[in-house]
Amino acid sequence: MLLEIRDLVKEYKGGVRANDGISLDIEEGEVFGLLGPNGSGKSTLVNQVIGLLSPISGTIRLDGVDVVQEPDASRRGCSYLPQGHVPIDGFTPIQAIELIGRLRGGEKNLIRKRTHELIEWLNIEEWSNRTGQHLSGGVRRLVGFCMAVVHPGKLVILDEPTNDIDPLRRRLL
């Protein structure tokens, strides 16, 4: 089992429970969609899985490792596209994607090749050498997607990946 969550509870100040006894299993290679209304605890759950929030009880195991006890293992094992825009001002898409791929441990030539494949696949070549502050929200979102998958972890988490993306590129994504 790639991801095992058992009886997960997260409670905020004032007794507000964002997650109350969540259990789920995700197999390697499985595509899993987490749906729910705003405020239902989806982002809280994701933040617990990637090690940014700790539950008050329950367990999260990523590839057999308890990431509540070892949150660094989650950060190494997960690739994450947040709901908001990734901070790429001052970087071109090529620089940002290659940087993340290298930071995640990818070999330089493979990361460079994969970066160019992703940019071509998503049809964003015309923006690939402009700095982040000169990109539309949709292109920034696509660059964030590329950053998450250029050298992915065992678990790839995409939080609302099609926000701000035009219909043509939404289909490509």
N, C-alpha and C. Protein backbone atom coordinates (compact mmCIF):
# COMPACT_ATOMS: atom_id res chain seq x y z
N MET A 1 0.85 -1.17 0.00
CA MET A 1 0.00 0.00 0.00
C MET A 1 0.89 1.24 0.00
N LEU A 2 0.63 2.16 -0.91
CA LEU A 2 1.45 3.37 -0.98
C LEU A 2 1.08 4.36 0.13
N LEU A 3 -0.21 4.63 0.30
CA LEU A 3 -0.66 5.56 1.34
C LEU A 3 -1.73 4.89 2.16
N GLU A 4 -1.49 4.85 3.47
CA GLU A 4 -2.46 4.29 4.42
C GLU A 4 -2.77 5.35 5.47
N ILE A 5 -4.03 5.68 5.60
CA ILE A 5 -4.47 6.64 6.61
C ILE A 5 -5.48 5.93 7.50
N ARG A 6 -5.27 6.01 8.81
CA ARG A 6 -6.15 5.34 9.76
C ARG A 6 -6.60 6.29 10.85
N ASP A 7 -7.93 6.42 10.96
CA ASP A 7 -8.57 7.14 12.08
C ASP A 7 -7.97 8.52 12.31
N LEU A 8 -7.74 9.27 11.24
CA LEU A 8 -7.08 10.56 11.32
C LEU A 8 -8.04 11.64 11.84
N VAL A 9 -7.56 12.38 12.83
CA VAL A 9 -8.35 13.46 13.42
C VAL A 9 -7.47 14.71 13.50
N LYS A 10 -8.02 15.82 13.05
CA LYS A 10 -7.36 17.12 13.21
C LYS A 10 -8.39 18.06 13.78
N GLU A 11 -8.02 18.66 14.90
CA GLU A 11 -8.92 19.59 15.57
C GLU A 11 -8.21 20.92 15.74
N TYR A 12 -8.89 21.98 15.36
CA TYR A 12 -8.34 23.33 15.51
C TYR A 12 -8.83 23.95 16.81
N LYS A 13 -8.28 25.12 17.12
CA LYS A 13 -8.69 25.83 18.34
C LYS A 13 -10.20 26.01 18.35
N GLY A 14 -10.77 25.94 19.51
CA GLY A 14 -12.21 26.09 19.64
C GLY A 14 -12.95 24.79 19.41
N GLY A 15 -12.22 23.69 19.21
CA GLY A 15 -12.85 22.39 19.05
C GLY A 15 -13.37 22.08 17.65
N VAL A 16 -13.02 22.90 16.67
CA VAL A 16 -13.48 22.66 15.30
C VAL A 16 -12.68 21.50 14.71
N ARG A 17 -13.39 20.45 14.31
CA ARG A 17 -12.73 19.29 13.72
C ARG A 17 -12.75 19.41 12.20
N ALA A 18 -11.55 19.44 11.62
CA ALA A 18 -11.44 19.49 10.17
C ALA A 18 -11.50 18.08 9.60
N ASN A 19 -10.90 17.13 10.28
CA ASN A 19 -10.95 15.72 9.92
C ASN A 19 -11.35 14.96 11.17
N ASP A 20 -12.27 14.03 11.00
CA ASP A 20 -12.79 13.31 12.16
C ASP A 20 -12.87 11.82 11.87
N GLY A 21 -11.76 11.12 12.06
CA GLY A 21 -11.75 9.68 11.89
C GLY A 21 -11.61 9.21 10.44
N ILE A 22 -10.84 9.91 9.65
CA ILE A 22 -10.67 9.54 8.24
C ILE A 22 -9.74 8.33 8.12
N SER A 23 -10.17 7.37 7.31
CA SER A 23 -9.34 6.22 6.97
C SER A 23 -9.46 5.99 5.47
N LEU A 24 -8.32 5.75 4.82
CA LEU A 24 -8.33 5.42 3.39
C LEU A 24 -7.02 4.78 3.00
N ASP A 25 -7.05 4.03 1.91
CA ASP A 25 -5.87 3.38 1.35
C ASP A 25 -5.75 3.78 -0.11
N ILE A 26 -4.53 4.07 -0.56
CA ILE A 26 -4.27 4.36 -1.96
C ILE A 26 -3.12 3.47 -2.40
N GLU A 27 -3.36 2.70 -3.45
CA GLU A 27 -2.37 1.78 -3.99
C GLU A 27 -1.41 2.51 -4.92
N GLU A 28 -0.20 1.99 -5.08
CA GLU A 28 0.74 2.54 -6.05
C GLU A 28 0.12 2.45 -7.44
N GLY A 29 0.20 3.54 -8.21
CA GLY A 29 -0.36 3.59 -9.55
C GLY A 29 -1.82 3.99 -9.61
N GLU A 30 -2.47 4.09 -8.47
CA GLU A 30 -3.89 4.45 -8.41
C GLU A 30 -4.06 5.96 -8.55
N VAL A 31 -5.11 6.36 -9.24
CA VAL A 31 -5.51 7.76 -9.31
C VAL A 31 -6.70 7.91 -8.38
N PHE A 32 -6.59 8.82 -7.42
CA PHE A 32 -7.60 8.98 -6.38
C PHE A 32 -8.04 10.44 -6.37
N GLY A 33 -9.33 10.67 -6.43
CA GLY A 33 -9.87 12.02 -6.35
C GLY A 33 -10.53 12.25 -5.01
N LEU A 34 -10.19 13.35 -4.37
CA LEU A 34 -10.78 13.70 -3.09
C LEU A 34 -11.72 14.87 -3.33
N LEU A 35 -13.00 14.62 -3.17
CA LEU A 35 -14.02 15.62 -3.45
C LEU A 35 -14.76 16.00 -2.18
N GLY A 36 -15.18 17.25 -2.13
CA GLY A 36 -15.97 17.73 -1.00
C GLY A 36 -16.15 19.22 -1.10
N PRO A 37 -17.13 19.74 -0.39
CA PRO A 37 -17.38 21.19 -0.44
C PRO A 37 -16.27 21.97 0.25
N ASN A 38 -16.24 23.27 -0.03
CA ASN A 38 -15.29 24.15 0.66
C ASN A 38 -15.45 23.99 2.16
N GLY A 39 -14.32 23.96 2.86
CA GLY A 39 -14.35 23.86 4.32
C GLY A 39 -14.56 22.46 4.85
N SER A 40 -14.52 21.45 3.99
CA SER A 40 -14.79 20.09 4.45
C SER A 40 -13.54 19.36 4.96
N GLY A 41 -12.35 19.99 4.87
CA GLY A 41 -11.14 19.39 5.42
C GLY A 41 -10.21 18.78 4.40
N LYS A 42 -10.47 18.98 3.11
CA LYS A 42 -9.59 18.41 2.07
C LYS A 42 -8.17 18.95 2.17
N SER A 43 -8.02 20.25 2.24
CA SER A 43 -6.68 20.85 2.32
C SER A 43 -5.99 20.47 3.63
N THR A 44 -6.75 20.39 4.69
CA THR A 44 -6.18 19.95 5.98
C THR A 44 -5.62 18.55 5.84
N LEU A 45 -6.37 17.66 5.20
CA LEU A 45 -5.90 16.29 5.00
C LEU A 45 -4.61 16.27 4.16
N VAL A 46 -4.60 17.02 3.07
CA VAL A 46 -3.41 17.08 2.22
C VAL A 46 -2.22 17.61 3.02
N ASN A 47 -2.42 18.67 3.79
CA ASN A 47 -1.33 19.24 4.59
C ASN A 47 -0.82 18.26 5.64
N GLN A 48 -1.68 17.38 6.12
CA GLN A 48 -1.23 16.35 7.05
C GLN A 48 -0.41 15.29 6.31
N VAL A 49 -0.84 14.91 5.12
CA VAL A 49 -0.13 13.90 4.35
C VAL A 49 1.27 14.39 3.97
N ILE A 50 1.40 15.66 3.61
CA ILE A 50 2.72 16.16 3.19
C ILE A 50 3.56 16.66 4.37
N GLY A 51 3.05 16.51 5.57
CA GLY A 51 3.85 16.80 6.76
C GLY A 51 3.85 18.23 7.23
N LEU A 52 2.91 19.04 6.74
CA LEU A 52 2.85 20.44 7.18
C LEU A 52 1.96 20.64 8.41
N LEU A 53 1.05 19.72 8.65
CA LEU A 53 0.18 19.75 9.84
C LEU A 53 0.24 18.39 10.51
N SER A 54 0.15 18.39 11.81
CA SER A 54 0.11 17.13 12.56
C SER A 54 -1.32 16.86 13.03
N PRO A 55 -1.76 15.63 12.92
CA PRO A 55 -3.08 15.29 13.46
C PRO A 55 -3.03 15.20 14.98
N ILE A 56 -4.19 15.28 15.61
CA ILE A 56 -4.20 15.06 17.05
C ILE A 56 -4.23 13.57 17.37
N SER A 57 -4.69 12.77 16.39
CA SER A 57 -4.63 11.31 16.53
C SER A 57 -4.74 10.67 15.15
N GLY A 58 -4.39 9.40 15.10
CA GLY A 58 -4.43 8.65 13.86
C GLY A 58 -3.05 8.50 13.26
N THR A 59 -2.98 7.72 12.17
CA THR A 59 -1.70 7.45 11.53
C THR A 59 -1.78 7.72 10.03
N ILE A 60 -0.64 8.11 9.50
CA ILE A 60 -0.46 8.28 8.06
C ILE A 60 0.83 7.55 7.71
N ARG A 61 0.73 6.55 6.84
CA ARG A 61 1.91 5.81 6.39
C ARG A 61 2.07 6.00 4.89
N LEU A 62 3.24 6.45 4.49
CA LEU A 62 3.59 6.60 3.09
C LEU A 62 4.67 5.59 2.78
N ASP A 63 4.34 4.62 1.94
CA ASP A 63 5.27 3.57 1.59
C ASP A 63 5.82 2.88 2.84
N GLY A 64 4.95 2.68 3.82
CA GLY A 64 5.31 1.98 5.05
C GLY A 64 5.91 2.83 6.15
N VAL A 65 6.19 4.11 5.87
CA VAL A 65 6.82 4.99 6.86
C VAL A 65 5.75 5.85 7.53
N ASP A 66 5.77 5.92 8.84
CA ASP A 66 4.84 6.77 9.60
C ASP A 66 5.28 8.22 9.45
N VAL A 67 4.57 8.98 8.60
CA VAL A 67 4.99 10.36 8.33
C VAL A 67 4.56 11.34 9.41
N VAL A 68 3.71 10.91 10.33
CA VAL A 68 3.42 11.76 11.49
C VAL A 68 4.66 11.82 12.36
N GLN A 69 5.33 10.68 12.51
CA GLN A 69 6.56 10.61 13.30
C GLN A 69 7.78 11.11 12.52
N GLU A 70 7.74 10.93 11.19
CA GLU A 70 8.87 11.31 10.33
C GLU A 70 8.38 12.17 9.16
N PRO A 71 8.02 13.43 9.42
CA PRO A 71 7.45 14.26 8.34
C PRO A 71 8.41 14.52 7.18
N ASP A 72 9.71 14.44 7.40
CA ASP A 72 10.66 14.61 6.30
C ASP A 72 10.51 13.51 5.25
N ALA A 73 10.13 12.32 5.68
CA ALA A 73 9.91 11.22 4.73
C ALA A 73 8.76 11.56 3.78
N SER A 74 7.77 12.23 4.28
CA SER A 74 6.65 12.63 3.43
C SER A 74 7.08 13.69 2.43
N ARG A 75 7.86 14.64 2.88
CA ARG A 75 8.33 15.70 1.98
C ARG A 75 9.21 15.14 0.87
N ARG A 76 9.98 14.10 1.18
CA ARG A 76 10.82 13.45 0.16
C ARG A 76 9.97 12.60 -0.78
N GLY A 77 8.94 11.98 -0.25
CA GLY A 77 8.16 11.02 -1.03
C GLY A 77 6.99 11.59 -1.79
N CYS A 78 6.66 12.86 -1.55
CA CYS A 78 5.49 13.47 -2.20
C CYS A 78 5.92 14.61 -3.11
N SER A 79 5.24 14.71 -4.24
CA SER A 79 5.31 15.90 -5.09
C SER A 79 3.96 16.59 -4.93
N TYR A 80 3.98 17.92 -4.86
CA TYR A 80 2.76 18.62 -4.50
C TYR A 80 2.57 19.87 -5.35
N LEU A 81 1.39 20.00 -5.92
CA LEU A 81 0.97 21.23 -6.59
C LEU A 81 -0.08 21.87 -5.70
N PRO A 82 0.26 22.98 -5.03
CA PRO A 82 -0.70 23.61 -4.13
C PRO A 82 -1.84 24.28 -4.91
N GLN A 83 -2.89 24.61 -4.20
CA GLN A 83 -4.05 25.26 -4.81
C GLN A 83 -3.70 26.65 -5.32
N GLY A 84 -2.84 27.36 -4.62
CA GLY A 84 -2.43 28.70 -5.03
C GLY A 84 -1.28 28.63 -6.02
N HIS A 85 -0.88 29.79 -6.51
CA HIS A 85 0.20 29.84 -7.48
C HIS A 85 1.55 29.58 -6.82
N VAL A 86 2.42 28.89 -7.55
CA VAL A 86 3.77 28.65 -7.06
C VAL A 86 4.60 29.92 -7.25
N PRO A 87 5.50 30.23 -6.34
CA PRO A 87 6.29 31.47 -6.44
C PRO A 87 7.44 31.32 -7.43
N ILE A 88 7.24 31.81 -8.65
CA ILE A 88 8.29 31.67 -9.67
C ILE A 88 8.75 33.02 -10.21
N ASP A 89 8.38 34.13 -9.56
CA ASP A 89 8.86 35.44 -10.01
C ASP A 89 10.38 35.42 -10.03
N GLY A 90 10.96 35.96 -11.10
CA GLY A 90 12.40 35.98 -11.24
C GLY A 90 12.96 34.76 -11.94
N PHE A 91 12.14 33.74 -12.16
CA PHE A 91 12.55 32.53 -12.87
C PHE A 91 11.73 32.39 -14.13
N THR A 92 12.34 31.84 -15.18
CA THR A 92 11.56 31.44 -16.35
C THR A 92 10.96 30.08 -16.04
N PRO A 93 9.93 29.67 -16.77
CA PRO A 93 9.40 28.32 -16.56
C PRO A 93 10.48 27.24 -16.67
N ILE A 94 11.35 27.36 -17.66
CA ILE A 94 12.41 26.36 -17.81
C ILE A 94 13.29 26.32 -16.57
N GLN A 95 13.69 27.48 -16.06
CA GLN A 95 14.54 27.51 -14.87
C GLN A 95 13.83 26.93 -13.65
N ALA A 96 12.57 27.30 -13.46
CA ALA A 96 11.82 26.84 -12.29
C ALA A 96 11.62 25.33 -12.32
N ILE A 97 11.25 24.81 -13.47
CA ILE A 97 10.99 23.37 -13.59
C ILE A 97 12.29 22.59 -13.40
N GLU A 98 13.35 23.03 -14.07
CA GLU A 98 14.63 22.32 -13.93
C GLU A 98 15.17 22.39 -12.50
N LEU A 99 15.01 23.54 -11.86
CA LEU A 99 15.48 23.68 -10.48
C LEU A 99 14.81 22.68 -9.56
N ILE A 100 13.50 22.59 -9.64
CA ILE A 100 12.77 21.65 -8.78
C ILE A 100 13.16 20.21 -9.10
N GLY A 101 13.28 19.89 -10.38
CA GLY A 101 13.69 18.54 -10.75
C GLY A 101 15.05 18.17 -10.18
N ARG A 102 15.98 19.12 -10.21
CA ARG A 102 17.32 18.87 -9.65
C ARG A 102 17.27 18.79 -8.12
N LEU A 103 16.48 19.68 -7.49
CA LEU A 103 16.36 19.63 -6.03
C LEU A 103 15.76 18.31 -5.55
N ARG A 104 14.90 17.74 -6.37
CA ARG A 104 14.28 16.45 -6.02
C ARG A 104 15.20 15.28 -6.35
N GLY A 105 16.40 15.57 -6.87
CA GLY A 105 17.38 14.51 -7.07
C GLY A 105 17.49 13.98 -8.49
N GLY A 106 16.85 14.64 -9.43
CA GLY A 106 16.91 14.19 -10.82
C GLY A 106 18.25 14.49 -11.47
N GLU A 107 18.64 13.64 -12.40
CA GLU A 107 19.89 13.81 -13.14
C GLU A 107 19.71 14.94 -14.14
N LYS A 108 20.71 15.81 -14.25
CA LYS A 108 20.63 17.06 -15.00
C LYS A 108 20.10 16.89 -16.43
N ASN A 109 20.68 15.99 -17.20
CA ASN A 109 20.26 15.84 -18.60
C ASN A 109 18.85 15.28 -18.73
N LEU A 110 18.47 14.35 -17.84
CA LEU A 110 17.11 13.81 -17.87
C LEU A 110 16.09 14.87 -17.49
N ILE A 111 16.42 15.69 -16.50
CA ILE A 111 15.51 16.75 -16.07
C ILE A 111 15.35 17.77 -17.20
N ARG A 112 16.43 18.14 -17.83
CA ARG A 112 16.36 19.10 -18.94
C ARG A 112 15.46 18.55 -20.06
N LYS A 113 15.65 17.28 -20.42
CA LYS A 113 14.84 16.63 -21.47
C LYS A 113 13.37 16.59 -21.07
N ARG A 114 13.10 16.17 -19.84
CA ARG A 114 11.72 16.06 -19.36
C ARG A 114 11.07 17.45 -19.30
N THR A 115 11.81 18.47 -18.88
CA THR A 115 11.29 19.84 -18.83
C THR A 115 10.80 20.27 -20.21
N HIS A 116 11.62 20.06 -21.20
CA HIS A 116 11.24 20.47 -22.56
C HIS A 116 10.08 19.64 -23.10
N GLU A 117 10.02 18.37 -22.75
CA GLU A 117 8.88 17.53 -23.15
C GLU A 117 7.58 18.04 -22.54
N LEU A 118 7.62 18.37 -21.25
CA LEU A 118 6.41 18.87 -20.58
C LEU A 118 5.95 20.20 -21.17
N ILE A 119 6.89 21.10 -21.40
CA ILE A 119 6.55 22.41 -21.96
C ILE A 119 5.93 22.24 -23.35
N GLU A 120 6.48 21.36 -24.13
CA GLU A 120 5.93 21.11 -25.47
C GLU A 120 4.56 20.44 -25.36
N TRP A 121 4.45 19.44 -24.51
CA TRP A 121 3.20 18.68 -24.34
C TRP A 121 2.05 19.59 -23.93
N LEU A 122 2.33 20.56 -23.05
CA LEU A 122 1.29 21.48 -22.59
C LEU A 122 1.16 22.72 -23.47
N ASN A 123 1.97 22.78 -24.52
CA ASN A 123 1.87 23.86 -25.51
C ASN A 123 2.08 25.24 -24.87
N ILE A 124 3.16 25.34 -24.07
CA ILE A 124 3.48 26.63 -23.44
C ILE A 124 4.87 27.12 -23.84
N GLU A 125 5.36 26.66 -24.99
CA GLU A 125 6.70 27.03 -25.43
C GLU A 125 6.87 28.55 -25.56
N GLU A 126 5.83 29.24 -26.03
CA GLU A 126 5.99 30.68 -26.26
C GLU A 126 6.26 31.47 -24.98
N TRP A 127 5.97 30.89 -23.82
CA TRP A 127 6.21 31.56 -22.54
C TRP A 127 7.40 30.99 -21.79
N SER A 128 8.08 30.01 -22.35
CA SER A 128 9.08 29.25 -21.59
C SER A 128 10.31 30.06 -21.19
N ASN A 129 10.54 31.22 -21.81
CA ASN A 129 11.69 32.04 -21.45
C ASN A 129 11.31 33.40 -20.87
N ARG A 130 10.04 33.56 -20.48
CA ARG A 130 9.60 34.78 -19.80
C ARG A 130 9.64 34.53 -18.30
N THR A 131 9.95 35.55 -17.54
CA THR A 131 9.98 35.37 -16.09
C THR A 131 8.56 35.29 -15.53
N GLY A 132 8.46 34.64 -14.39
CA GLY A 132 7.18 34.34 -13.77
C GLY A 132 6.24 35.52 -13.62
N GLN A 133 6.78 36.69 -13.28
CA GLN A 133 5.92 37.84 -13.08
C GLN A 133 5.26 38.32 -14.37
N HIS A 134 5.71 37.81 -15.53
CA HIS A 134 5.14 38.20 -16.82
C HIS A 134 4.25 37.10 -17.41
N LEU A 135 3.85 36.14 -16.58
CA LEU A 135 3.02 35.04 -17.05
C LEU A 135 1.60 35.17 -16.52
N SER A 136 0.65 34.68 -17.29
CA SER A 136 -0.75 34.66 -16.84
C SER A 136 -0.90 33.64 -15.72
N GLY A 137 -2.01 33.73 -15.01
CA GLY A 137 -2.28 32.77 -13.94
C GLY A 137 -2.35 31.34 -14.46
N GLY A 138 -2.93 31.16 -15.64
CA GLY A 138 -3.03 29.83 -16.21
C GLY A 138 -1.68 29.23 -16.56
N VAL A 139 -0.82 30.03 -17.15
CA VAL A 139 0.52 29.53 -17.50
C VAL A 139 1.31 29.24 -16.22
N ARG A 140 1.18 30.09 -15.23
CA ARG A 140 1.85 29.84 -13.94
C ARG A 140 1.38 28.52 -13.34
N ARG A 141 0.09 28.27 -13.48
CA ARG A 141 -0.49 27.02 -12.95
C ARG A 141 0.11 25.81 -13.69
N LEU A 142 0.23 25.92 -15.01
CA LEU A 142 0.80 24.83 -15.80
C LEU A 142 2.28 24.61 -15.44
N VAL A 143 3.00 25.70 -15.20
CA VAL A 143 4.39 25.58 -14.78
C VAL A 143 4.45 24.86 -13.42
N GLY A 144 3.54 25.19 -12.52
CA GLY A 144 3.48 24.50 -11.23
C GLY A 144 3.24 23.01 -11.39
N PHE A 145 2.35 22.66 -12.33
CA PHE A 145 2.11 21.24 -12.62
C PHE A 145 3.40 20.58 -13.09
N CYS A 146 4.09 21.23 -14.03
CA CYS A 146 5.36 20.68 -14.53
C CYS A 146 6.36 20.51 -13.41
N MET A 147 6.41 21.45 -12.49
CA MET A 147 7.33 21.36 -11.36
C MET A 147 7.00 20.14 -10.49
N ALA A 148 5.72 19.83 -10.36
CA ALA A 148 5.31 18.69 -9.53
C ALA A 148 5.61 17.35 -10.18
N VAL A 149 5.64 17.31 -11.53
CA VAL A 149 5.78 16.01 -12.19
C VAL A 149 7.10 15.82 -12.94
N VAL A 150 7.96 16.84 -12.98
CA VAL A 150 9.21 16.68 -13.73
C VAL A 150 10.07 15.56 -13.15
N HIS A 151 10.09 15.41 -11.87
CA HIS A 151 10.77 14.30 -11.18
C HIS A 151 9.91 13.96 -9.97
N PRO A 152 8.80 13.26 -10.21
CA PRO A 152 7.81 13.09 -9.15
C PRO A 152 8.24 12.16 -8.04
N GLY A 153 7.65 12.42 -6.87
CA GLY A 153 7.79 11.48 -5.77
C GLY A 153 6.88 10.30 -6.00
N LYS A 154 6.86 9.37 -5.07
CA LYS A 154 5.99 8.20 -5.21
C LYS A 154 4.52 8.60 -5.18
N LEU A 155 4.21 9.68 -4.46
CA LEU A 155 2.84 10.18 -4.36
C LEU A 155 2.82 11.59 -4.92
N VAL A 156 1.96 11.82 -5.90
CA VAL A 156 1.80 13.14 -6.51
C VAL A 156 0.44 13.67 -6.10
N ILE A 157 0.45 14.83 -5.44
CA ILE A 157 -0.79 15.45 -4.96
C ILE A 157 -1.01 16.74 -5.74
N LEU A 158 -2.14 16.81 -6.43
CA LEU A 158 -2.48 17.99 -7.22
C LEU A 158 -3.74 18.60 -6.63
N ASP A 159 -3.62 19.78 -6.06
CA ASP A 159 -4.74 20.46 -5.42
C ASP A 159 -5.38 21.42 -6.43
N GLU A 160 -6.52 21.03 -6.95
CA GLU A 160 -7.26 21.80 -7.96
C GLU A 160 -6.37 22.19 -9.13
N PRO A 161 -5.82 21.18 -9.84
CA PRO A 161 -4.81 21.44 -10.87
C PRO A 161 -5.31 22.20 -12.09
N THR A 162 -6.61 22.25 -12.33
CA THR A 162 -7.09 22.92 -13.54
C THR A 162 -7.58 24.34 -13.28
N ASN A 163 -7.46 24.84 -12.05
CA ASN A 163 -7.84 26.24 -11.77
C ASN A 163 -7.07 27.16 -12.69
N ASP A 164 -7.73 28.17 -13.22
CA ASP A 164 -7.12 29.24 -14.04
C ASP A 164 -6.64 28.77 -15.41
N ILE A 165 -6.85 27.54 -15.79
CA ILE A 165 -6.32 27.03 -17.05
C ILE A 165 -7.39 27.10 -18.14
N ASP A 166 -6.99 27.56 -19.32
CA ASP A 166 -7.93 27.67 -20.43
C ASP A 166 -8.41 26.28 -20.86
N PRO A 167 -9.58 26.22 -21.53
CA PRO A 167 -10.16 24.92 -21.88
C PRO A 167 -9.25 24.03 -22.73
N LEU A 168 -8.50 24.59 -23.67
CA LEU A 168 -7.61 23.79 -24.51
C LEU A 168 -6.54 23.10 -23.66
N ARG A 169 -5.86 23.85 -22.84
CA ARG A 169 -4.79 23.26 -22.03
C ARG A 169 -5.34 22.42 -20.89
N ARG A 170 -6.55 22.71 -20.46
CA ARG A 170 -7.20 21.87 -19.44
C ARG A 170 -7.34 20.45 -19.97
N ARG A 171 -7.71 20.32 -21.25
CA ARG A 171 -7.82 18.99 -21.86
C ARG A 171 -6.46 18.32 -21.94
N LEU A 172 -5.41 19.08 -22.26
CA LEU A 172 -4.06 18.52 -22.33
C LEU A 172 -3.61 18.03 -20.96
N LEU A 173 -3.93 18.81 -19.94
CA LEU A 173 -3.55 18.46 -18.58
C LEU A 173 -4.26 17.19 -18.15
